[in-house]
């Protein structure tokens, strides 16, 4: 009789499901946040939302500043 109750208890208890990998919120908070670009890369003037020039993933205040950075890169590559 004791053996029957042990077998019944063993079959009645379901096996534990494998634990899922859940990232804690602390790890999510540690990820770096990309900062918003607020100044022109060429002249360092503040960029306004209405007047901005976007090229190659970066913001410039106008087309002249963008061309100025291209010329500066060409001079560095030529050296």
PDB file of N, CA and C in Angstrom:
ATOM      1  N   UNK A   1       0.814  -1.179   0.000  1.00  0.00           N
ATOM      2  CA  UNK A   1       0.000   0.000   0.000  1.00  0.00           C
ATOM      3  C   UNK A   1       0.867   1.256   0.000  1.00  0.00           C
ATOM      4  N   UNK A   2       1.931   1.231   0.721  1.00  0.00           N
ATOM      5  CA  UNK A   2       2.834   2.372   0.756  1.00  0.00           C
ATOM      6  C   UNK A   2       3.467   2.590  -0.609  1.00  0.00           C
ATOM      7  N   UNK A   3       3.762   1.509  -1.316  1.00  0.00           N
ATOM      8  CA  UNK A   3       4.364   1.629  -2.634  1.00  0.00           C
ATOM      9  C   UNK A   3       3.390   2.248  -3.627  1.00  0.00           C
ATOM     10  N   UNK A   4       2.111   1.933  -3.516  1.00  0.00           N
ATOM     11  CA  UNK A   4       1.106   2.466  -4.425  1.00  0.00           C
ATOM     12  C   UNK A   4       0.960   3.978  -4.236  1.00  0.00           C
ATOM     13  N   UNK A   5       1.015   4.456  -2.999  1.00  0.00           N
ATOM     14  CA  UNK A   5       0.858   5.890  -2.768  1.00  0.00           C
ATOM     15  C   UNK A   5       2.065   6.667  -3.279  1.00  0.00           C
ATOM     16  N   UNK A   6       3.269   6.069  -3.163  1.00  0.00           N
ATOM     17  CA  UNK A   6       4.469   6.735  -3.682  1.00  0.00           C
ATOM     18  C   UNK A   6       4.409   6.852  -5.199  1.00  0.00           C
ATOM     19  N   UNK A   7       3.931   5.775  -5.863  1.00  0.00           N
ATOM     20  CA  UNK A   7       3.819   5.803  -7.317  1.00  0.00           C
ATOM     21  C   UNK A   7       2.749   6.791  -7.745  1.00  0.00           C
ATOM     22  N   UNK A   8       1.673   6.863  -7.009  1.00  0.00           N
ATOM     23  CA  UNK A   8       0.594   7.789  -7.346  1.00  0.00           C
ATOM     24  C   UNK A   8       1.066   9.236  -7.192  1.00  0.00           C
ATOM     25  N   UNK A   9       1.849   9.504  -6.146  1.00  0.00           N
ATOM     26  CA  UNK A   9       2.358  10.853  -5.948  1.00  0.00           C
ATOM     27  C   UNK A   9       3.376  11.223  -7.031  1.00  0.00           C
ATOM     28  N   UNK A  10       4.177  10.258  -7.443  1.00  0.00           N
ATOM     29  CA  UNK A  10       5.194  10.519  -8.465  1.00  0.00           C
ATOM     30  C   UNK A  10       4.537  10.846  -9.800  1.00  0.00           C
ATOM     31  N   UNK A  11       3.457  10.172 -10.134  1.00  0.00           N
ATOM     32  CA  UNK A  11       2.782  10.439 -11.403  1.00  0.00           C
ATOM     33  C   UNK A  11       1.902  11.668 -11.321  1.00  0.00           C
ATOM     34  N   UNK A  12       1.441  12.036 -10.131  1.00  0.00           N
ATOM     35  CA  UNK A  12       0.544  13.172  -9.974  1.00  0.00           C
ATOM     36  C   UNK A  12       1.298  14.500 -10.066  1.00  0.00           C
ATOM     37  N   UNK A  13       2.554  14.534  -9.631  1.00  0.00           N
ATOM     38  CA  UNK A  13       3.300  15.791  -9.688  1.00  0.00           C
ATOM     39  C   UNK A  13       3.883  15.973 -11.082  1.00  0.00           C
ATOM     40  N   UNK A  14       3.504  17.042 -11.769  1.00  0.00           N
ATOM     41  CA  UNK A  14       4.040  17.268 -13.117  1.00  0.00           C
ATOM     42  C   UNK A  14       5.502  17.704 -13.028  1.00  0.00           C
ATOM     43  N   UNK A  15       6.227  17.420 -14.106  1.00  0.00           N
ATOM     44  CA  UNK A  15       7.630  17.826 -14.155  1.00  0.00           C
ATOM     45  C   UNK A  15       7.707  19.331 -14.364  1.00  0.00           C
ATOM     46  N   UNK A  16       8.737  19.937 -13.832  1.00  0.00           N
ATOM     47  CA  UNK A  16       8.899  21.380 -13.956  1.00  0.00           C
ATOM     48  C   UNK A  16       9.283  21.733 -15.388  1.00  0.00           C
ATOM     49  N   UNK A  17       8.678  22.781 -15.893  1.00  0.00           N
ATOM     50  CA  UNK A  17       8.997  23.258 -17.233  1.00  0.00           C
ATOM     51  C   UNK A  17      10.372  23.920 -17.196  1.00  0.00           C
ATOM     52  N   UNK A  18      11.126  23.846 -18.281  1.00  0.00           N
ATOM     53  CA  UNK A  18      12.443  24.499 -18.283  1.00  0.00           C
ATOM     54  C   UNK A  18      12.290  26.003 -18.111  1.00  0.00           C
ATOM     55  N   UNK A  19      13.167  26.595 -17.361  1.00  0.00           N
ATOM     56  CA  UNK A  19      13.113  28.031 -17.084  1.00  0.00           C
ATOM     57  C   UNK A  19      13.496  28.803 -18.341  1.00  0.00           C
ATOM     58  N   UNK A  20      12.724  29.813 -18.648  1.00  0.00           N
ATOM     59  CA  UNK A  20      13.008  30.635 -19.812  1.00  0.00           C
ATOM     60  C   UNK A  20      13.976  31.737 -19.406  1.00  0.00           C
ATOM     61  N   UNK A  21      14.840  32.108 -20.343  1.00  0.00           N
ATOM     62  CA  UNK A  21      15.790  33.175 -20.065  1.00  0.00           C
ATOM     63  C   UNK A  21      15.066  34.511 -20.173  1.00  0.00           C
ATOM     64  N   UNK A  22      14.918  35.164 -19.057  1.00  0.00           N
ATOM     65  CA  UNK A  22      14.269  36.465 -19.019  1.00  0.00           C
ATOM     66  C   UNK A  22      15.291  37.464 -18.513  1.00  0.00           C
ATOM     67  N   UNK A  23      15.548  38.500 -19.329  1.00  0.00           N
ATOM     68  CA  UNK A  23      16.522  39.509 -18.937  1.00  0.00           C
ATOM     69  C   UNK A  23      15.911  40.414 -17.872  1.00  0.00           C
ATOM     70  N   UNK A  24      16.614  40.633 -16.807  1.00  0.00           N
ATOM     71  CA  UNK A  24      16.113  41.564 -15.800  1.00  0.00           C
ATOM     72  C   UNK A  24      16.097  42.987 -16.337  1.00  0.00           C
ATOM     73  N   UNK A  25      15.290  43.811 -15.733  1.00  0.00           N
ATOM     74  CA  UNK A  25      15.180  45.195 -16.183  1.00  0.00           C
ATOM     75  C   UNK A  25      16.476  45.958 -15.972  1.00  0.00           C
ATOM     76  N   UNK A  26      17.277  45.511 -15.020  1.00  0.00           N
ATOM     77  CA  UNK A  26      18.541  46.197 -14.755  1.00  0.00           C
ATOM     78  C   UNK A  26      19.475  46.093 -15.961  1.00  0.00           C
ATOM     79  N   UNK A  27      19.490  44.953 -16.630  1.00  0.00           N
ATOM     80  CA  UNK A  27      20.343  44.782 -17.805  1.00  0.00           C
ATOM     81  C   UNK A  27      19.858  45.646 -18.963  1.00  0.00           C
ATOM     82  N   UNK A  28      18.547  45.778 -19.106  1.00  0.00           N
ATOM     83  CA  UNK A  28      18.004  46.612 -20.174  1.00  0.00           C
ATOM     84  C   UNK A  28      18.363  48.070 -19.951  1.00  0.00           C
ATOM     85  N   UNK A  29      18.393  48.483 -18.705  1.00  0.00           N
ATOM     86  CA  UNK A  29      18.704  49.875 -18.393  1.00  0.00           C
ATOM     87  C   UNK A  29      20.174  50.189 -18.631  1.00  0.00           C
ATOM     88  N   UNK A  30      21.062  49.193 -18.611  1.00  0.00           N
ATOM     89  CA  UNK A  30      22.491  49.409 -18.795  1.00  0.00           C
ATOM     90  C   UNK A  30      22.863  49.687 -20.240  1.00  0.00           C
ATOM     91  N   UNK A  31      21.998  49.366 -21.196  1.00  0.00           N
ATOM     92  CA  UNK A  31      22.320  49.571 -22.602  1.00  0.00           C
ATOM     93  C   UNK A  31      22.474  51.061 -22.882  1.00  0.00           C
ATOM     94  N   UNK A  32      23.510  51.454 -23.638  1.00  0.00           N
ATOM     95  CA  UNK A  32      23.720  52.881 -23.899  1.00  0.00           C
ATOM     96  C   UNK A  32      22.628  53.445 -24.795  1.00  0.00           C
ATOM     97  N   UNK A  33      22.247  54.654 -24.504  1.00  0.00           N
ATOM     98  CA  UNK A  33      21.223  55.342 -25.279  1.00  0.00           C
ATOM     99  C   UNK A  33      21.927  56.266 -26.259  1.00  0.00           C
ATOM    100  N   UNK A  34      21.538  56.189 -27.533  1.00  0.00           N
ATOM    101  CA  UNK A  34      22.159  57.036 -28.553  1.00  0.00           C
ATOM    102  C   UNK A  34      21.750  58.488 -28.305  1.00  0.00           C
ATOM    103  N   UNK A  35      22.741  59.361 -28.225  1.00  0.00           N
ATOM    104  CA  UNK A  35      22.457  60.766 -27.990  1.00  0.00           C
ATOM    105  C   UNK A  35      22.040  61.448 -29.280  1.00  0.00           C
ATOM    106  N   UNK A  36      21.162  62.393 -29.143  1.00  0.00           N
ATOM    107  CA  UNK A  36      20.659  63.138 -30.287  1.00  0.00           C
ATOM    108  C   UNK A  36      21.670  64.200 -30.681  1.00  0.00           C
ATOM    109  N   UNK A  37      21.974  64.274 -31.969  1.00  0.00           N
ATOM    110  CA  UNK A  37      22.946  65.252 -32.456  1.00  0.00           C
ATOM    111  C   UNK A  37      22.298  66.631 -32.455  1.00  0.00           C
ATOM    112  N   UNK A  38      22.910  67.575 -31.762  1.00  0.00           N
ATOM    113  CA  UNK A  38      22.336  68.917 -31.652  1.00  0.00           C
ATOM    114  C   UNK A  38      23.171  69.985 -32.330  1.00  0.00           C
ATOM    115  N   UNK A  39      24.424  69.681 -32.670  1.00  0.00           N
ATOM    116  CA  UNK A  39      25.301  70.678 -33.293  1.00  0.00           C
ATOM    117  C   UNK A  39      25.815  70.173 -34.638  1.00  0.00           C
ATOM    118  N   UNK A  40      26.126  71.114 -35.503  1.00  0.00           N
ATOM    119  CA  UNK A  40      26.713  70.808 -36.803  1.00  0.00           C
ATOM    120  C   UNK A  40      28.109  70.238 -36.596  1.00  0.00           C
ATOM    121  N   UNK A  41      28.478  69.244 -37.366  1.00  0.00           N
ATOM    122  CA  UNK A  41      29.793  68.624 -37.222  1.00  0.00           C
ATOM    123  C   UNK A  41      30.917  69.501 -37.758  1.00  0.00           C
ATOM    124  N   UNK A  42      30.616  70.368 -38.708  1.00  0.00           N
ATOM    125  CA  UNK A  42      31.646  71.195 -39.310  1.00  0.00           C
ATOM    126  C   UNK A  42      31.895  72.484 -38.520  1.00  0.00           C
ATOM    127  N   UNK A  43      30.839  73.216 -38.205  1.00  0.00           N
ATOM    128  CA  UNK A  43      31.016  74.532 -37.587  1.00  0.00           C
ATOM    129  C   UNK A  43      30.562  74.580 -36.131  1.00  0.00           C
ATOM    130  N   UNK A  44      29.967  73.514 -35.633  1.00  0.00           N
ATOM    131  CA  UNK A  44      29.531  73.371 -34.241  1.00  0.00           C
ATOM    132  C   UNK A  44      28.418  74.356 -33.859  1.00  0.00           C
ATOM    133  N   UNK A  45      27.649  74.818 -34.842  1.00  0.00           N
ATOM    134  CA  UNK A  45      26.486  75.659 -34.548  1.00  0.00           C
ATOM    135  C   UNK A  45      25.327  74.762 -34.126  1.00  0.00           C
ATOM    136  N   UNK A  46      24.430  75.259 -33.281  1.00  0.00           N
ATOM    137  CA  UNK A  46      23.249  74.459 -32.929  1.00  0.00           C
ATOM    138  C   UNK A  46      22.351  74.278 -34.153  1.00  0.00           C
ATOM    139  N   UNK A  47      21.834  73.067 -34.318  1.00  0.00           N
ATOM    140  CA  UNK A  47      20.983  72.753 -35.462  1.00  0.00           C
ATOM    141  C   UNK A  47      19.529  72.889 -35.042  1.00  0.00           C
ATOM    142  N   UNK A  48      18.775  73.655 -35.815  1.00  0.00           N
ATOM    143  CA  UNK A  48      17.348  73.805 -35.562  1.00  0.00           C
ATOM    144  C   UNK A  48      16.593  72.764 -36.375  1.00  0.00           C
ATOM    145  N   UNK A  49      15.446  72.377 -35.885  1.00  0.00           N
ATOM    146  CA  UNK A  49      14.673  71.313 -36.522  1.00  0.00           C
ATOM    147  C   UNK A  49      14.242  71.691 -37.941  1.00  0.00           C
ATOM    148  N   UNK A  50      13.861  72.942 -38.143  1.00  0.00           N
ATOM    149  CA  UNK A  50      13.379  73.364 -39.451  1.00  0.00           C
ATOM    150  C   UNK A  50      14.496  73.516 -40.473  1.00  0.00           C
ATOM    151  N   UNK A  51      15.697  73.819 -40.002  1.00  0.00           N
ATOM    152  CA  UNK A  51      16.794  74.075 -40.935  1.00  0.00           C
ATOM    153  C   UNK A  51      17.952  73.127 -40.620  1.00  0.00           C
ATOM    154  N   UNK A  52      17.975  71.987 -41.305  1.00  0.00           N
ATOM    155  CA  UNK A  52      19.060  71.032 -41.121  1.00  0.00           C
ATOM    156  C   UNK A  52      19.307  70.296 -42.430  1.00  0.00           C
ATOM    157  N   UNK A  53      20.527  69.838 -42.587  1.00  0.00           N
ATOM    158  CA  UNK A  53      20.955  69.169 -43.814  1.00  0.00           C
ATOM    159  C   UNK A  53      21.473  67.798 -43.424  1.00  0.00           C
ATOM    160  N   UNK A  54      20.824  66.733 -43.897  1.00  0.00           N
ATOM    161  CA  UNK A  54      21.134  65.364 -43.498  1.00  0.00           C
ATOM    162  C   UNK A  54      21.851  64.636 -44.622  1.00  0.00           C
ATOM    163  N   UNK A  55      23.096  64.195 -44.360  1.00  0.00           N
ATOM    164  CA  UNK A  55      23.858  63.427 -45.346  1.00  0.00           C
ATOM    165  C   UNK A  55      24.676  62.374 -44.624  1.00  0.00           C
ATOM    166  N   UNK A  56      24.699  61.171 -45.166  1.00  0.00           N
ATOM    167  CA  UNK A  56      25.498  60.047 -44.670  1.00  0.00           C
ATOM    168  C   UNK A  56      25.272  59.765 -43.186  1.00  0.00           C
ATOM    169  N   UNK A  57      24.028  59.877 -42.738  1.00  0.00           N
ATOM    170  CA  UNK A  57      23.697  59.545 -41.355  1.00  0.00           C
ATOM    171  C   UNK A  57      24.043  60.610 -40.341  1.00  0.00           C
ATOM    172  N   UNK A  58      24.380  61.816 -40.785  1.00  0.00           N
ATOM    173  CA  UNK A  58      24.756  62.892 -39.871  1.00  0.00           C
ATOM    174  C   UNK A  58      24.067  64.186 -40.288  1.00  0.00           C
ATOM    175  N   UNK A  59      23.903  65.094 -39.325  1.00  0.00           N
ATOM    176  CA  UNK A  59      23.240  66.363 -39.586  1.00  0.00           C
ATOM    177  C   UNK A  59      24.267  67.487 -39.675  1.00  0.00           C
ATOM    178  N   UNK A  60      24.023  68.393 -40.620  1.00  0.00           N
ATOM    179  CA  UNK A  60      24.836  69.590 -40.804  1.00  0.00           C
ATOM    180  C   UNK A  60      23.892  70.775 -40.870  1.00  0.00           C
ATOM    181  N   UNK A  61      24.415  71.984 -40.679  1.00  0.00           N
ATOM    182  CA  UNK A  61      23.526  73.151 -40.703  1.00  0.00           C
ATOM    183  C   UNK A  61      23.162  73.553 -42.137  1.00  0.00           C
ATOM    184  N   UNK A  62      24.052  73.293 -43.098  1.00  0.00           N
ATOM    185  CA  UNK A  62      23.730  73.579 -44.502  1.00  0.00           C
ATOM    186  C   UNK A  62      24.654  72.768 -45.416  1.00  0.00           C
ATOM    187  N   UNK A  63      24.468  72.934 -46.706  1.00  0.00           N
ATOM    188  CA  UNK A  63      25.231  72.164 -47.689  1.00  0.00           C
ATOM    189  C   UNK A  63      26.709  72.544 -47.688  1.00  0.00           C
ATOM    190  N   UNK A  64      27.013  73.796 -47.412  1.00  0.00           N
ATOM    191  CA  UNK A  64      28.410  74.240 -47.401  1.00  0.00           C
ATOM    192  C   UNK A  64      29.207  73.534 -46.305  1.00  0.00           C
ATOM    193  N   UNK A  65      28.598  73.357 -45.135  1.00  0.00           N
ATOM    194  CA  UNK A  65      29.289  72.668 -44.040  1.00  0.00           C
ATOM    195  C   UNK A  65      29.520  71.198 -44.387  1.00  0.00           C
ATOM    196  N   UNK A  66      28.574  70.604 -45.068  1.00  0.00           N
ATOM    197  CA  UNK A  66      28.735  69.201 -45.476  1.00  0.00           C
ATOM    198  C   UNK A  66      29.896  69.073 -46.466  1.00  0.00           C
ATOM    199  N   UNK A  67      29.962  69.999 -47.435  1.00  0.00           N
ATOM    200  CA  UNK A  67      31.047  69.968 -48.405  1.00  0.00           C
ATOM    201  C   UNK A  67      32.395  70.265 -47.753  1.00  0.00           C
ATOM    202  N   UNK A  68      32.404  71.101 -46.727  1.00  0.00           N
ATOM    203  CA  UNK A  68      33.631  71.421 -46.007  1.00  0.00           C
ATOM    204  C   UNK A  68      34.182  70.157 -45.329  1.00  0.00           C
ATOM    205  N   UNK A  69      33.319  69.342 -44.760  1.00  0.00           N
ATOM    206  CA  UNK A  69      33.786  68.110 -44.114  1.00  0.00           C
ATOM    207  C   UNK A  69      34.302  67.117 -45.148  1.00  0.00           C
ATOM    208  N   UNK A  70      33.683  67.093 -46.328  1.00  0.00           N
ATOM    209  CA  UNK A  70      34.168  66.202 -47.391  1.00  0.00           C
ATOM    210  C   UNK A  70      35.568  66.598 -47.840  1.00  0.00           C
ATOM    211  N   UNK A  71      35.793  67.890 -47.996  1.00  0.00           N
ATOM    212  CA  UNK A  71      37.121  68.370 -48.407  1.00  0.00           C
ATOM    213  C   UNK A  71      38.167  68.063 -47.343  1.00  0.00           C
ATOM    214  N   UNK A  72      37.797  68.209 -46.077  1.00  0.00           N
ATOM    215  CA  UNK A  72      38.731  67.923 -44.989  1.00  0.00           C
ATOM    216  C   UNK A  72      39.102  66.438 -44.961  1.00  0.00           C
ATOM    217  N   UNK A  73      38.146  65.575 -45.235  1.00  0.00           N
ATOM    218  CA  UNK A  73      38.417  64.130 -45.281  1.00  0.00           C
ATOM    219  C   UNK A  73      39.332  63.784 -46.454  1.00  0.00           C
ATOM    220  N   UNK A  74      39.123  64.440 -47.587  1.00  0.00           N
ATOM    221  CA  UNK A  74      39.961  64.187 -48.758  1.00  0.00           C
ATOM    222  C   UNK A  74      41.402  64.586 -48.493  1.00  0.00           C
ATOM    223  N   UNK A  75      41.610  65.698 -47.790  1.00  0.00           N
ATOM    224  CA  UNK A  75      42.971  66.148 -47.473  1.00  0.00           C
ATOM    225  C   UNK A  75      43.650  65.158 -46.539  1.00  0.00           C
ATOM    226  N   UNK A  76      42.906  64.623 -45.559  1.00  0.00           N
ATOM    227  CA  UNK A  76      43.483  63.641 -44.634  1.00  0.00           C
ATOM    228  C   UNK A  76      43.859  62.352 -45.353  1.00  0.00           C
ATOM    229  N   UNK A  77      43.030  61.927 -46.279  1.00  0.00           N
ATOM    230  CA  UNK A  77      43.307  60.690 -47.040  1.00  0.00           C
ATOM    231  C   UNK A  77      44.505  60.877 -47.974  1.00  0.00           C
ATOM    232  N   UNK A  78      44.675  62.108 -48.499  1.00  0.00           N
ATOM    233  CA  UNK A  78      45.782  62.368 -49.414  1.00  0.00           C
ATOM    234  C   UNK A  78      47.134  62.345 -48.696  1.00  0.00           C
ATOM    235  N   UNK A  79      47.134  62.631 -47.419  1.00  0.00           N
ATOM    236  CA  UNK A  79      48.397  62.637 -46.649  1.00  0.00           C
ATOM    237  C   UNK A  79      48.813  61.259 -46.413  1.00  0.00           C
TER     238      UNK A  79
END
